[in-house]
Structure formats: structure tokens, C-alpha cells
Amino acid sequence: MKKQSLISAVVLTLFLFSSSSLLAKEPTAKPKGKTTPKHYTAPKSSKGFHKKQVSNTEDRQGKIEAALGAGLGFNPVQFDIRAEGQYFITNNISAGISLDTLLKHLTLLNISGFGRYHIDLPDMPKLVPYVGMGLGGLIAPETGGSAMTIAVPDIGANYALTDHFFLGSEFFPVIVTDFSGTTWDFIFLFAKVTYRF
């Protein structure tokens, strides 16, 4: 009887030992669904990257612009070609010099200095209107005549095509006086191309 009990105890011990070994080797069941390691960082979507937008409202202080425009004078009607350069004293205030060549029966040259205030529009960063005034002298090389000119107000706007090129237009009335008589003119530049250095 003792022999049978000893054999049963040995068999039971071996059974328990083998069962515990099998349980230790059985792999832990993986949770359903995708898992993400803690150190994993999802790549940024390409949709989050945008090209730099062209803007005309960036810091202009210290920049120089050169422009060439074409338009008409209306008293009398004559073709106008304008060349100008301006320097930005601040982001919104500029000063410059212009040369208008008025062509019809008689060639007139108007050399003016001007100042402008540029208005930034947050909702339309490519478009910058401006207002200003100019003071200059009108010369008629063929006759030797001369007069003083006052352009006020000088109203215009520039639209950014690229970071350096701008397209705009400009309109300003001009008071012309030689101190013995006074007349007026209107200049409309229907196209003006500007380059910013």
C-alpha cells in the first residue's frame, strides 16, 4: 500500500511540474488592434507643408525700388513715360525722385521729389495702396520754358507678382505754375512695373 501511494505521489509531482513548464512557455496573447510603441513618432503629413506665399507686406525698411510706367496726361492729352526710384525710410514711409517725359507736339520733362505712405492690408497681403505728394519742376527743352509742379494727392497701388516684381497703377492731379499763371493737369499711369532690390 505504501508503495502504491509513493508511486501516485511521484506521478502527481511529475504531472504538476510538466503542466507548469508548459504554462511558462506559452506566449502571452497580444491585444487585438494596432499598437504603437512609446518611442514611435508619426511622420508629419505632407499636407502640413505649404509654399511660401508671395507678400507685399514684408519688412520694406531700407529697401530700394525702381519703377517704369506708362500712361497719359490730360491737359492737353499726351503720352507719359515715367521712371522713378524710391527708398523706404520705414516699413510704410518712402521718399524718392521721378522723371516724367510728356510727349505730343512738345516734349516736357517733369522732375519731382516725392514722399509716400504705404498702407498694409492684412486680408490682402499682395496688394499695397499708397498715398503721397510730390514737388518738382517742369522743363520744356525746345522752348526753354519752365514751371513748378505740385502733385497732390498722389494715389496708387502695387500688387506683388513675385518677391521682387510688382505691377501697379497710379493717378495724381498736378498743379502747374510759373508764378505768373497757374494751370493744372491729370496724370494717369495705367501700368507701372516695379522691381525691389
N, C-alpha and C. Protein backbone atom coordinates (compact mmCIF):
# COMPACT_ATOMS: atom_id res chain seq x y z
N MET A 1 0.83 -1.20 0.00
CA MET A 1 0.00 0.00 0.00
C MET A 1 0.87 1.26 0.00
N LYS A 2 1.90 1.20 0.83
CA LYS A 2 2.82 2.34 0.86
C LYS A 2 3.51 2.53 -0.47
N LYS A 3 3.80 1.42 -1.15
CA LYS A 3 4.47 1.50 -2.45
C LYS A 3 3.58 2.18 -3.48
N GLN A 4 2.27 1.82 -3.46
CA GLN A 4 1.34 2.44 -4.40
C GLN A 4 1.18 3.94 -4.14
N SER A 5 1.13 4.33 -2.86
CA SER A 5 1.00 5.75 -2.52
C SER A 5 2.21 6.53 -2.97
N LEU A 6 3.41 5.93 -2.82
CA LEU A 6 4.63 6.60 -3.24
C LEU A 6 4.66 6.81 -4.74
N ILE A 7 4.20 5.78 -5.48
CA ILE A 7 4.17 5.89 -6.95
C ILE A 7 3.18 6.98 -7.37
N SER A 8 2.01 7.03 -6.70
CA SER A 8 0.99 8.04 -7.04
C SER A 8 1.52 9.45 -6.78
N ALA A 9 2.26 9.62 -5.67
CA ALA A 9 2.81 10.93 -5.35
C ALA A 9 3.83 11.39 -6.39
N VAL A 10 4.68 10.42 -6.83
CA VAL A 10 5.69 10.75 -7.84
C VAL A 10 5.03 11.14 -9.16
N VAL A 11 3.97 10.36 -9.55
CA VAL A 11 3.27 10.66 -10.81
C VAL A 11 2.62 12.03 -10.73
N LEU A 12 1.99 12.34 -9.56
CA LEU A 12 1.34 13.64 -9.40
C LEU A 12 2.35 14.79 -9.46
N THR A 13 3.50 14.57 -8.86
CA THR A 13 4.54 15.60 -8.88
C THR A 13 5.03 15.87 -10.29
N LEU A 14 5.27 14.79 -11.06
CA LEU A 14 5.72 14.94 -12.45
C LEU A 14 4.68 15.64 -13.30
N PHE A 15 3.38 15.34 -13.05
CA PHE A 15 2.30 15.96 -13.82
C PHE A 15 2.23 17.47 -13.56
N LEU A 16 2.34 17.83 -12.28
CA LEU A 16 2.30 19.25 -11.93
C LEU A 16 3.51 20.00 -12.48
N PHE A 17 4.68 19.39 -12.46
CA PHE A 17 5.89 20.02 -12.97
C PHE A 17 5.81 20.26 -14.47
N SER A 18 5.30 19.24 -15.21
CA SER A 18 5.20 19.40 -16.66
C SER A 18 4.15 20.44 -17.04
N SER A 19 3.05 20.50 -16.27
CA SER A 19 2.00 21.49 -16.56
C SER A 19 2.51 22.91 -16.36
N SER A 20 3.29 23.12 -15.27
CA SER A 20 3.82 24.46 -15.01
C SER A 20 4.84 24.87 -16.08
N SER A 21 5.60 23.92 -16.59
CA SER A 21 6.58 24.22 -17.66
C SER A 21 5.87 24.64 -18.94
N LEU A 22 4.78 23.96 -19.28
CA LEU A 22 4.04 24.31 -20.50
C LEU A 22 3.41 25.71 -20.39
N LEU A 23 2.91 26.01 -19.19
CA LEU A 23 2.31 27.33 -18.99
C LEU A 23 3.35 28.43 -19.11
N ALA A 24 4.56 28.17 -18.64
CA ALA A 24 5.62 29.18 -18.71
C ALA A 24 6.06 29.44 -20.13
N LYS A 25 6.00 28.41 -21.01
CA LYS A 25 6.45 28.57 -22.38
C LYS A 25 5.39 29.16 -23.28
N GLU A 26 4.11 29.11 -22.87
CA GLU A 26 3.03 29.60 -23.72
C GLU A 26 3.13 31.11 -23.89
N PRO A 27 3.17 31.65 -25.13
CA PRO A 27 3.31 33.09 -25.35
C PRO A 27 2.09 33.86 -24.86
N THR A 28 2.37 35.09 -24.41
CA THR A 28 1.28 35.95 -23.95
C THR A 28 0.46 36.42 -25.14
N ALA A 29 -0.82 36.32 -25.03
CA ALA A 29 -1.70 36.72 -26.14
C ALA A 29 -1.61 38.21 -26.37
N LYS A 30 -1.47 38.60 -27.64
CA LYS A 30 -1.37 40.02 -28.00
C LYS A 30 -2.76 40.64 -28.00
N PRO A 31 -2.86 41.87 -27.53
CA PRO A 31 -4.18 42.54 -27.56
C PRO A 31 -4.60 42.81 -28.98
N LYS A 32 -5.88 42.73 -29.18
CA LYS A 32 -6.41 42.98 -30.51
C LYS A 32 -6.23 44.45 -30.88
N GLY A 33 -6.11 44.72 -32.19
CA GLY A 33 -5.92 46.10 -32.66
C GLY A 33 -4.47 46.45 -32.80
N LYS A 34 -4.20 47.61 -33.41
CA LYS A 34 -2.83 48.07 -33.64
C LYS A 34 -2.26 48.69 -32.39
N THR A 35 -1.01 48.45 -32.18
CA THR A 35 -0.32 49.06 -31.05
C THR A 35 0.82 49.92 -31.57
N THR A 36 1.12 51.00 -30.86
CA THR A 36 2.17 51.93 -31.25
C THR A 36 3.19 52.02 -30.16
N PRO A 37 4.46 51.68 -30.45
CA PRO A 37 5.50 51.79 -29.42
C PRO A 37 5.56 53.21 -28.88
N LYS A 38 5.95 53.32 -27.62
CA LYS A 38 6.01 54.63 -26.99
C LYS A 38 7.00 55.55 -27.67
N HIS A 39 8.07 54.98 -28.21
CA HIS A 39 9.10 55.81 -28.83
C HIS A 39 8.77 56.19 -30.26
N TYR A 40 7.65 55.67 -30.79
CA TYR A 40 7.31 55.90 -32.19
C TYR A 40 6.71 57.30 -32.37
N THR A 41 7.15 58.01 -33.40
CA THR A 41 6.61 59.33 -33.73
C THR A 41 6.05 59.29 -35.13
N ALA A 42 4.79 59.57 -35.28
CA ALA A 42 4.16 59.52 -36.59
C ALA A 42 4.75 60.60 -37.49
N PRO A 43 5.03 60.28 -38.75
CA PRO A 43 5.58 61.29 -39.66
C PRO A 43 4.57 62.38 -39.93
N LYS A 44 5.08 63.59 -40.14
CA LYS A 44 4.21 64.72 -40.43
C LYS A 44 3.62 64.58 -41.82
N SER A 45 2.34 64.89 -41.91
CA SER A 45 1.67 64.81 -43.20
C SER A 45 2.19 65.87 -44.14
N SER A 46 2.30 65.51 -45.40
CA SER A 46 2.77 66.48 -46.40
C SER A 46 1.79 67.63 -46.57
N LYS A 47 0.55 67.41 -46.10
CA LYS A 47 -0.44 68.48 -46.22
C LYS A 47 -0.11 69.64 -45.30
N GLY A 48 0.74 69.40 -44.31
CA GLY A 48 1.07 70.45 -43.36
C GLY A 48 2.11 71.41 -43.88
N PHE A 49 2.71 71.09 -45.01
CA PHE A 49 3.75 71.95 -45.57
C PHE A 49 3.15 72.79 -46.69
N HIS A 50 3.42 74.07 -46.66
CA HIS A 50 2.88 74.98 -47.68
C HIS A 50 4.00 75.81 -48.27
N LYS A 51 3.86 76.12 -49.53
CA LYS A 51 4.83 77.00 -50.16
C LYS A 51 4.70 78.41 -49.59
N LYS A 52 5.82 79.11 -49.57
CA LYS A 52 5.81 80.48 -49.07
C LYS A 52 4.96 81.35 -49.99
N GLN A 53 4.00 82.05 -49.41
CA GLN A 53 3.16 82.92 -50.19
C GLN A 53 3.87 84.24 -50.49
N VAL A 54 3.64 84.70 -51.74
CA VAL A 54 4.20 85.99 -52.11
C VAL A 54 3.47 87.08 -51.35
N SER A 55 4.21 87.97 -50.78
CA SER A 55 3.62 89.02 -49.98
C SER A 55 4.29 90.35 -50.27
N ASN A 56 3.47 91.41 -50.16
CA ASN A 56 3.99 92.76 -50.34
C ASN A 56 4.07 93.49 -49.01
N THR A 57 3.78 92.78 -47.91
CA THR A 57 3.73 93.42 -46.61
C THR A 57 4.94 93.08 -45.73
N GLU A 58 5.92 92.39 -46.29
CA GLU A 58 7.11 92.09 -45.51
C GLU A 58 7.88 93.37 -45.22
N ASP A 59 8.83 93.29 -44.32
CA ASP A 59 9.58 94.46 -43.89
C ASP A 59 10.26 95.12 -45.08
N ARG A 60 9.85 96.36 -45.38
CA ARG A 60 10.40 97.08 -46.53
C ARG A 60 11.46 98.09 -46.14
N GLN A 61 11.63 98.31 -44.86
CA GLN A 61 12.55 99.33 -44.40
C GLN A 61 13.96 99.07 -44.93
N GLY A 62 14.56 100.12 -45.51
CA GLY A 62 15.90 100.01 -46.07
C GLY A 62 15.95 99.48 -47.48
N LYS A 63 14.80 99.11 -48.06
CA LYS A 63 14.77 98.57 -49.42
C LYS A 63 14.68 99.71 -50.44
N ILE A 64 15.17 99.43 -51.65
CA ILE A 64 15.12 100.38 -52.76
C ILE A 64 14.27 99.77 -53.88
N GLU A 65 13.42 100.60 -54.48
CA GLU A 65 12.62 100.17 -55.61
C GLU A 65 12.86 101.07 -56.82
N ALA A 66 12.86 100.46 -57.99
CA ALA A 66 12.95 101.19 -59.25
C ALA A 66 11.74 100.82 -60.09
N ALA A 67 11.14 101.82 -60.75
CA ALA A 67 9.91 101.55 -61.49
C ALA A 67 9.92 102.27 -62.83
N LEU A 68 9.16 101.69 -63.78
CA LEU A 68 8.96 102.27 -65.10
C LEU A 68 7.48 102.15 -65.43
N GLY A 69 6.85 103.29 -65.77
CA GLY A 69 5.42 103.27 -66.04
C GLY A 69 5.07 104.01 -67.31
N ALA A 70 3.85 103.77 -67.76
CA ALA A 70 3.34 104.42 -68.97
C ALA A 70 1.90 104.83 -68.74
N GLY A 71 1.54 106.01 -69.26
CA GLY A 71 0.18 106.49 -69.07
C GLY A 71 -0.12 107.70 -69.93
N LEU A 72 -1.05 108.51 -69.45
CA LEU A 72 -1.50 109.67 -70.19
C LEU A 72 -1.58 110.90 -69.30
N GLY A 73 -1.32 112.07 -69.89
CA GLY A 73 -1.64 113.35 -69.29
C GLY A 73 -2.88 113.86 -70.00
N PHE A 74 -3.69 114.69 -69.33
CA PHE A 74 -4.99 115.05 -69.90
C PHE A 74 -5.17 116.54 -70.19
N ASN A 75 -4.17 117.37 -69.96
CA ASN A 75 -4.34 118.80 -70.25
C ASN A 75 -3.02 119.39 -70.79
N PRO A 76 -2.79 119.27 -72.10
CA PRO A 76 -3.60 118.56 -73.09
C PRO A 76 -3.33 117.05 -73.02
N VAL A 77 -4.08 116.28 -73.80
CA VAL A 77 -3.88 114.83 -73.84
C VAL A 77 -2.53 114.54 -74.46
N GLN A 78 -1.70 113.83 -73.73
CA GLN A 78 -0.36 113.50 -74.20
C GLN A 78 0.14 112.22 -73.51
N PHE A 79 1.06 111.56 -74.18
CA PHE A 79 1.59 110.30 -73.66
C PHE A 79 2.64 110.59 -72.60
N ASP A 80 2.65 109.78 -71.53
CA ASP A 80 3.57 109.99 -70.42
C ASP A 80 4.36 108.72 -70.15
N ILE A 81 5.68 108.87 -70.05
CA ILE A 81 6.56 107.78 -69.64
C ILE A 81 7.23 108.21 -68.35
N ARG A 82 7.11 107.37 -67.31
CA ARG A 82 7.67 107.74 -66.00
C ARG A 82 8.73 106.73 -65.57
N ALA A 83 9.86 107.26 -65.09
CA ALA A 83 10.90 106.46 -64.44
C ALA A 83 11.06 107.00 -63.03
N GLU A 84 11.14 106.13 -62.04
CA GLU A 84 11.25 106.61 -60.67
C GLU A 84 12.03 105.62 -59.80
N GLY A 85 12.54 106.14 -58.71
CA GLY A 85 13.20 105.30 -57.71
C GLY A 85 12.80 105.80 -56.33
N GLN A 86 12.65 104.88 -55.39
CA GLN A 86 12.27 105.29 -54.05
C GLN A 86 12.99 104.43 -53.00
N TYR A 87 13.16 105.03 -51.83
CA TYR A 87 13.83 104.37 -50.71
C TYR A 87 12.88 104.35 -49.52
N PHE A 88 12.76 103.19 -48.88
CA PHE A 88 11.86 103.04 -47.74
C PHE A 88 12.58 103.45 -46.46
N ILE A 89 12.17 104.59 -45.93
CA ILE A 89 12.74 105.08 -44.68
C ILE A 89 12.27 104.22 -43.51
N THR A 90 10.99 103.86 -43.54
CA THR A 90 10.42 102.90 -42.60
C THR A 90 9.66 101.87 -43.42
N ASN A 91 8.95 100.97 -42.75
CA ASN A 91 8.19 99.96 -43.48
C ASN A 91 7.06 100.58 -44.30
N ASN A 92 6.57 101.74 -43.88
CA ASN A 92 5.42 102.35 -44.54
C ASN A 92 5.70 103.69 -45.20
N ILE A 93 6.83 104.32 -44.91
CA ILE A 93 7.14 105.65 -45.45
C ILE A 93 8.32 105.56 -46.41
N SER A 94 8.14 106.12 -47.60
CA SER A 94 9.22 106.13 -48.60
C SER A 94 9.39 107.52 -49.17
N ALA A 95 10.56 107.77 -49.72
CA ALA A 95 10.87 109.03 -50.40
C ALA A 95 11.63 108.70 -51.67
N GLY A 96 11.41 109.49 -52.71
CA GLY A 96 12.07 109.18 -53.97
C GLY A 96 12.06 110.33 -54.95
N ILE A 97 12.49 110.01 -56.16
CA ILE A 97 12.56 111.00 -57.23
C ILE A 97 12.02 110.37 -58.50
N SER A 98 11.35 111.17 -59.32
CA SER A 98 10.74 110.66 -60.55
C SER A 98 11.02 111.59 -61.72
N LEU A 99 10.98 111.02 -62.90
CA LEU A 99 11.12 111.78 -64.15
C LEU A 99 9.98 111.40 -65.07
N ASP A 100 9.10 112.36 -65.36
CA ASP A 100 8.02 112.16 -66.32
C ASP A 100 8.40 112.82 -67.63
N THR A 101 8.28 112.06 -68.71
CA THR A 101 8.51 112.59 -70.05
C THR A 101 7.17 112.63 -70.76
N LEU A 102 6.66 113.82 -71.02
CA LEU A 102 5.37 114.01 -71.66
C LEU A 102 5.59 114.29 -73.14
N LEU A 103 4.97 113.48 -73.98
CA LEU A 103 5.23 113.55 -75.42
C LEU A 103 3.95 113.84 -76.20
N LYS A 104 4.03 114.87 -77.02
CA LYS A 104 2.99 115.15 -78.02
C LYS A 104 3.62 116.04 -79.07
N HIS A 105 3.12 117.27 -79.23
CA HIS A 105 3.75 118.21 -80.16
C HIS A 105 5.02 118.77 -79.53
N LEU A 106 5.02 118.86 -78.20
CA LEU A 106 6.13 119.43 -77.47
C LEU A 106 6.56 118.47 -76.38
N THR A 107 7.87 118.27 -76.22
CA THR A 107 8.37 117.38 -75.17
C THR A 107 8.53 118.15 -73.87
N LEU A 108 7.93 117.64 -72.82
CA LEU A 108 8.02 118.24 -71.49
C LEU A 108 8.65 117.25 -70.52
N LEU A 109 9.55 117.74 -69.69
CA LEU A 109 10.20 116.92 -68.67
C LEU A 109 9.81 117.43 -67.30
N ASN A 110 9.30 116.55 -66.47
CA ASN A 110 8.92 116.93 -65.12
C ASN A 110 9.75 116.11 -64.12
N ILE A 111 10.64 116.77 -63.42
CA ILE A 111 11.49 116.11 -62.42
C ILE A 111 10.93 116.45 -61.04
N SER A 112 10.59 115.42 -60.26
CA SER A 112 9.93 115.66 -58.97
C SER A 112 10.54 114.81 -57.87
N GLY A 113 10.50 115.36 -56.68
CA GLY A 113 10.76 114.59 -55.48
C GLY A 113 9.42 114.28 -54.82
N PHE A 114 9.30 113.12 -54.21
CA PHE A 114 8.00 112.76 -53.64
C PHE A 114 8.18 111.98 -52.33
N GLY A 115 7.10 111.96 -51.57
CA GLY A 115 7.01 111.15 -50.36
C GLY A 115 5.70 110.38 -50.38
N ARG A 116 5.73 109.14 -49.86
CA ARG A 116 4.52 108.30 -49.89
C ARG A 116 4.34 107.55 -48.57
N TYR A 117 3.07 107.29 -48.26
CA TYR A 117 2.74 106.43 -47.14
C TYR A 117 2.05 105.18 -47.69
N HIS A 118 2.61 104.01 -47.39
CA HIS A 118 2.12 102.74 -47.92
C HIS A 118 1.24 102.06 -46.86
N ILE A 119 0.08 101.61 -47.30
CA ILE A 119 -0.93 101.05 -46.39
C ILE A 119 -0.97 99.54 -46.54
N ASP A 120 -0.68 98.80 -45.45
CA ASP A 120 -0.73 97.34 -45.48
C ASP A 120 -2.16 96.86 -45.22
N LEU A 121 -2.60 95.89 -46.01
CA LEU A 121 -3.93 95.29 -45.87
C LEU A 121 -3.76 93.85 -45.42
N PRO A 122 -4.01 93.52 -44.15
CA PRO A 122 -3.77 92.15 -43.64
C PRO A 122 -4.52 91.08 -44.42
N ASP A 123 -5.72 91.39 -44.91
CA ASP A 123 -6.51 90.39 -45.63
C ASP A 123 -6.07 90.23 -47.08
N MET A 124 -5.29 91.20 -47.59
CA MET A 124 -4.79 91.13 -48.97
C MET A 124 -3.31 91.51 -48.97
N PRO A 125 -2.44 90.60 -48.50
CA PRO A 125 -1.02 90.95 -48.34
C PRO A 125 -0.29 91.25 -49.64
N LYS A 126 -0.82 90.82 -50.78
CA LYS A 126 -0.14 91.09 -52.05
C LYS A 126 -0.40 92.51 -52.56
N LEU A 127 -1.47 93.13 -52.08
CA LEU A 127 -1.86 94.45 -52.57
C LEU A 127 -1.54 95.52 -51.53
N VAL A 128 -0.80 96.55 -51.95
CA VAL A 128 -0.45 97.65 -51.05
C VAL A 128 -0.77 98.98 -51.73
N PRO A 129 -1.83 99.66 -51.31
CA PRO A 129 -2.10 101.01 -51.82
C PRO A 129 -1.21 102.03 -51.12
N TYR A 130 -1.09 103.19 -51.73
CA TYR A 130 -0.29 104.25 -51.11
C TYR A 130 -0.86 105.62 -51.48
N VAL A 131 -0.50 106.59 -50.67
CA VAL A 131 -0.91 107.97 -50.92
C VAL A 131 0.29 108.87 -50.61
N GLY A 132 0.44 109.96 -51.35
CA GLY A 132 1.60 110.82 -51.13
C GLY A 132 1.45 112.14 -51.84
N MET A 133 2.57 112.83 -51.99
CA MET A 133 2.59 114.09 -52.72
C MET A 133 3.98 114.33 -53.29
N GLY A 134 4.06 115.19 -54.29
CA GLY A 134 5.35 115.47 -54.91
C GLY A 134 5.50 116.94 -55.26
N LEU A 135 6.74 117.36 -55.36
CA LEU A 135 7.06 118.75 -55.70
C LEU A 135 8.21 118.72 -56.70
N GLY A 136 8.04 119.43 -57.82
CA GLY A 136 9.08 119.35 -58.84
C GLY A 136 9.09 120.54 -59.78
N GLY A 137 9.81 120.34 -60.88
CA GLY A 137 9.93 121.39 -61.88
C GLY A 137 9.66 120.85 -63.27
N LEU A 138 8.93 121.60 -64.05
CA LEU A 138 8.59 121.23 -65.42
C LEU A 138 9.46 122.03 -66.37
N ILE A 139 10.09 121.33 -67.31
CA ILE A 139 11.00 121.97 -68.26
C ILE A 139 10.56 121.65 -69.69
N ALA A 140 10.56 122.66 -70.54
CA ALA A 140 10.30 122.47 -71.96
C ALA A 140 11.60 122.73 -72.71
N PRO A 141 12.40 121.68 -73.00
CA PRO A 141 13.72 121.88 -73.60
C PRO A 141 13.68 122.62 -74.94
N GLU A 142 12.62 122.45 -75.69
CA GLU A 142 12.55 123.05 -77.02
C GLU A 142 12.32 124.55 -76.97
N THR A 143 11.65 125.03 -75.92
CA THR A 143 11.35 126.46 -75.82
C THR A 143 12.11 127.15 -74.69
N GLY A 144 12.67 126.34 -73.79
CA GLY A 144 13.38 126.91 -72.65
C GLY A 144 12.45 127.33 -71.53
N GLY A 145 11.17 127.02 -71.64
CA GLY A 145 10.21 127.37 -70.60
C GLY A 145 10.34 126.45 -69.40
N SER A 146 9.88 126.94 -68.25
CA SER A 146 9.93 126.15 -67.02
C SER A 146 8.80 126.56 -66.09
N ALA A 147 8.45 125.68 -65.18
CA ALA A 147 7.39 125.96 -64.22
C ALA A 147 7.54 125.01 -63.04
N MET A 148 6.89 125.36 -61.95
CA MET A 148 6.89 124.49 -60.77
C MET A 148 5.65 123.60 -60.80
N THR A 149 5.81 122.35 -60.38
CA THR A 149 4.68 121.43 -60.35
C THR A 149 4.47 120.90 -58.93
N ILE A 150 3.21 120.75 -58.57
CA ILE A 150 2.84 120.18 -57.27
C ILE A 150 1.85 119.05 -57.54
N ALA A 151 2.22 117.84 -57.17
CA ALA A 151 1.35 116.68 -57.34
C ALA A 151 0.75 116.33 -55.99
N VAL A 152 -0.55 116.54 -55.84
CA VAL A 152 -1.20 116.23 -54.57
C VAL A 152 -2.70 116.01 -54.79
N PRO A 153 -3.29 114.91 -54.36
CA PRO A 153 -2.56 113.78 -53.77
C PRO A 153 -2.09 112.82 -54.85
N ASP A 154 -1.05 112.08 -54.53
CA ASP A 154 -0.53 111.02 -55.39
C ASP A 154 -1.11 109.71 -54.87
N ILE A 155 -1.97 109.07 -55.67
CA ILE A 155 -2.68 107.87 -55.23
C ILE A 155 -2.32 106.72 -56.15
N GLY A 156 -1.97 105.58 -55.58
CA GLY A 156 -1.63 104.41 -56.39
C GLY A 156 -1.67 103.13 -55.57
N ALA A 157 -1.31 102.04 -56.23
CA ALA A 157 -1.28 100.74 -55.57
C ALA A 157 -0.33 99.83 -56.32
N ASN A 158 0.30 98.91 -55.58
CA ASN A 158 1.18 97.90 -56.17
C ASN A 158 0.69 96.51 -55.78
N TYR A 159 0.78 95.59 -56.73
CA TYR A 159 0.39 94.20 -56.49
C TYR A 159 1.61 93.31 -56.69
N ALA A 160 1.90 92.46 -55.71
CA ALA A 160 3.10 91.61 -55.76
C ALA A 160 2.91 90.44 -56.71
N LEU A 161 3.75 90.39 -57.75
CA LEU A 161 3.78 89.24 -58.66
C LEU A 161 4.75 88.20 -58.14
N THR A 162 5.92 88.65 -57.65
CA THR A 162 6.92 87.80 -57.00
C THR A 162 7.46 88.59 -55.82
N ASP A 163 8.50 88.08 -55.19
CA ASP A 163 9.12 88.81 -54.07
C ASP A 163 9.82 90.08 -54.54
N HIS A 164 10.11 90.19 -55.83
CA HIS A 164 10.86 91.35 -56.34
C HIS A 164 10.10 92.17 -57.38
N PHE A 165 9.14 91.57 -58.08
CA PHE A 165 8.43 92.29 -59.15
C PHE A 165 7.00 92.61 -58.73
N PHE A 166 6.59 93.86 -59.05
CA PHE A 166 5.27 94.34 -58.69
C PHE A 166 4.65 95.06 -59.88
N LEU A 167 3.34 94.94 -59.98
CA LEU A 167 2.59 95.61 -61.04
C LEU A 167 1.58 96.55 -60.39
N GLY A 168 1.52 97.77 -60.89
CA GLY A 168 0.61 98.73 -60.27
C GLY A 168 0.13 99.79 -61.22
N SER A 169 -0.62 100.73 -60.66
CA SER A 169 -1.08 101.89 -61.41
C SER A 169 -1.10 103.08 -60.47
N GLU A 170 -1.21 104.28 -61.04
CA GLU A 170 -1.09 105.49 -60.23
C GLU A 170 -1.84 106.64 -60.89
N PHE A 171 -2.38 107.51 -60.04
CA PHE A 171 -3.13 108.66 -60.53
C PHE A 171 -2.81 109.86 -59.65
N PHE A 172 -2.56 111.00 -60.26
CA PHE A 172 -2.33 112.20 -59.47
C PHE A 172 -2.64 113.46 -60.27
N PRO A 173 -3.33 114.41 -59.66
CA PRO A 173 -3.50 115.72 -60.28
C PRO A 173 -2.23 116.55 -60.08
N VAL A 174 -1.96 117.43 -61.01
CA VAL A 174 -0.75 118.26 -60.96
C VAL A 174 -1.13 119.73 -61.11
N ILE A 175 -0.68 120.54 -60.16
CA ILE A 175 -0.81 121.99 -60.27
C ILE A 175 0.48 122.52 -60.91
N VAL A 176 0.34 123.27 -61.98
CA VAL A 176 1.50 123.82 -62.71
C VAL A 176 1.45 125.34 -62.62
N THR A 177 2.53 125.94 -62.13
CA THR A 177 2.57 127.40 -62.01
C THR A 177 3.95 127.94 -62.34
N ASP A 178 3.97 129.06 -63.03
CA ASP A 178 5.24 129.79 -63.27
C ASP A 178 5.22 131.11 -62.53
N PHE A 179 4.31 131.21 -61.54
CA PHE A 179 4.14 132.38 -60.68
C PHE A 179 3.53 133.59 -61.39
N SER A 180 3.30 133.46 -62.69
CA SER A 180 2.56 134.50 -63.40
C SER A 180 1.20 133.96 -63.85
N GLY A 181 1.07 132.66 -63.81
CA GLY A 181 -0.17 131.99 -64.16
C GLY A 181 -0.14 130.56 -63.64
N THR A 182 -1.32 129.98 -63.44
CA THR A 182 -1.43 128.62 -62.90
C THR A 182 -2.39 127.81 -63.76
N THR A 183 -2.02 126.60 -64.02
CA THR A 183 -2.89 125.68 -64.74
C THR A 183 -2.83 124.32 -64.03
N TRP A 184 -3.40 123.32 -64.61
CA TRP A 184 -3.47 122.02 -63.97
C TRP A 184 -3.33 120.91 -65.00
N ASP A 185 -3.13 119.71 -64.52
CA ASP A 185 -3.09 118.52 -65.38
C ASP A 185 -3.45 117.33 -64.52
N PHE A 186 -3.83 116.23 -65.18
CA PHE A 186 -4.06 114.95 -64.51
C PHE A 186 -3.18 113.91 -65.19
N ILE A 187 -2.45 113.17 -64.40
CA ILE A 187 -1.61 112.09 -64.93
C ILE A 187 -2.15 110.76 -64.44
N PHE A 188 -2.41 109.87 -65.38
CA PHE A 188 -2.85 108.52 -65.04
C PHE A 188 -1.88 107.52 -65.64
N LEU A 189 -1.15 106.81 -64.76
CA LEU A 189 -0.26 105.73 -65.21
C LEU A 189 -1.05 104.43 -65.15
N PHE A 190 -1.46 103.93 -66.30
CA PHE A 190 -2.29 102.73 -66.28
C PHE A 190 -1.49 101.46 -66.07
N ALA A 191 -0.17 101.51 -66.23
CA ALA A 191 0.67 100.35 -65.94
C ALA A 191 2.04 100.82 -65.44
N LYS A 192 2.46 100.25 -64.32
CA LYS A 192 3.77 100.59 -63.76
C LYS A 192 4.40 99.31 -63.22
N VAL A 193 5.58 98.98 -63.72
CA VAL A 193 6.30 97.79 -63.28
C VAL A 193 7.41 98.21 -62.31
N THR A 194 7.44 97.58 -61.15
CA THR A 194 8.40 97.94 -60.10
C THR A 194 9.27 96.75 -59.76
N TYR A 195 10.56 97.03 -59.55
CA TYR A 195 11.49 95.99 -59.09
C TYR A 195 12.04 96.42 -57.73
N ARG A 196 11.98 95.52 -56.76
CA ARG A 196 12.50 95.78 -55.42
C ARG A 196 13.84 95.07 -55.25
N PHE A 197 14.86 95.83 -54.91
CA PHE A 197 16.20 95.27 -54.72
C PHE A 197 16.34 94.64 -53.34
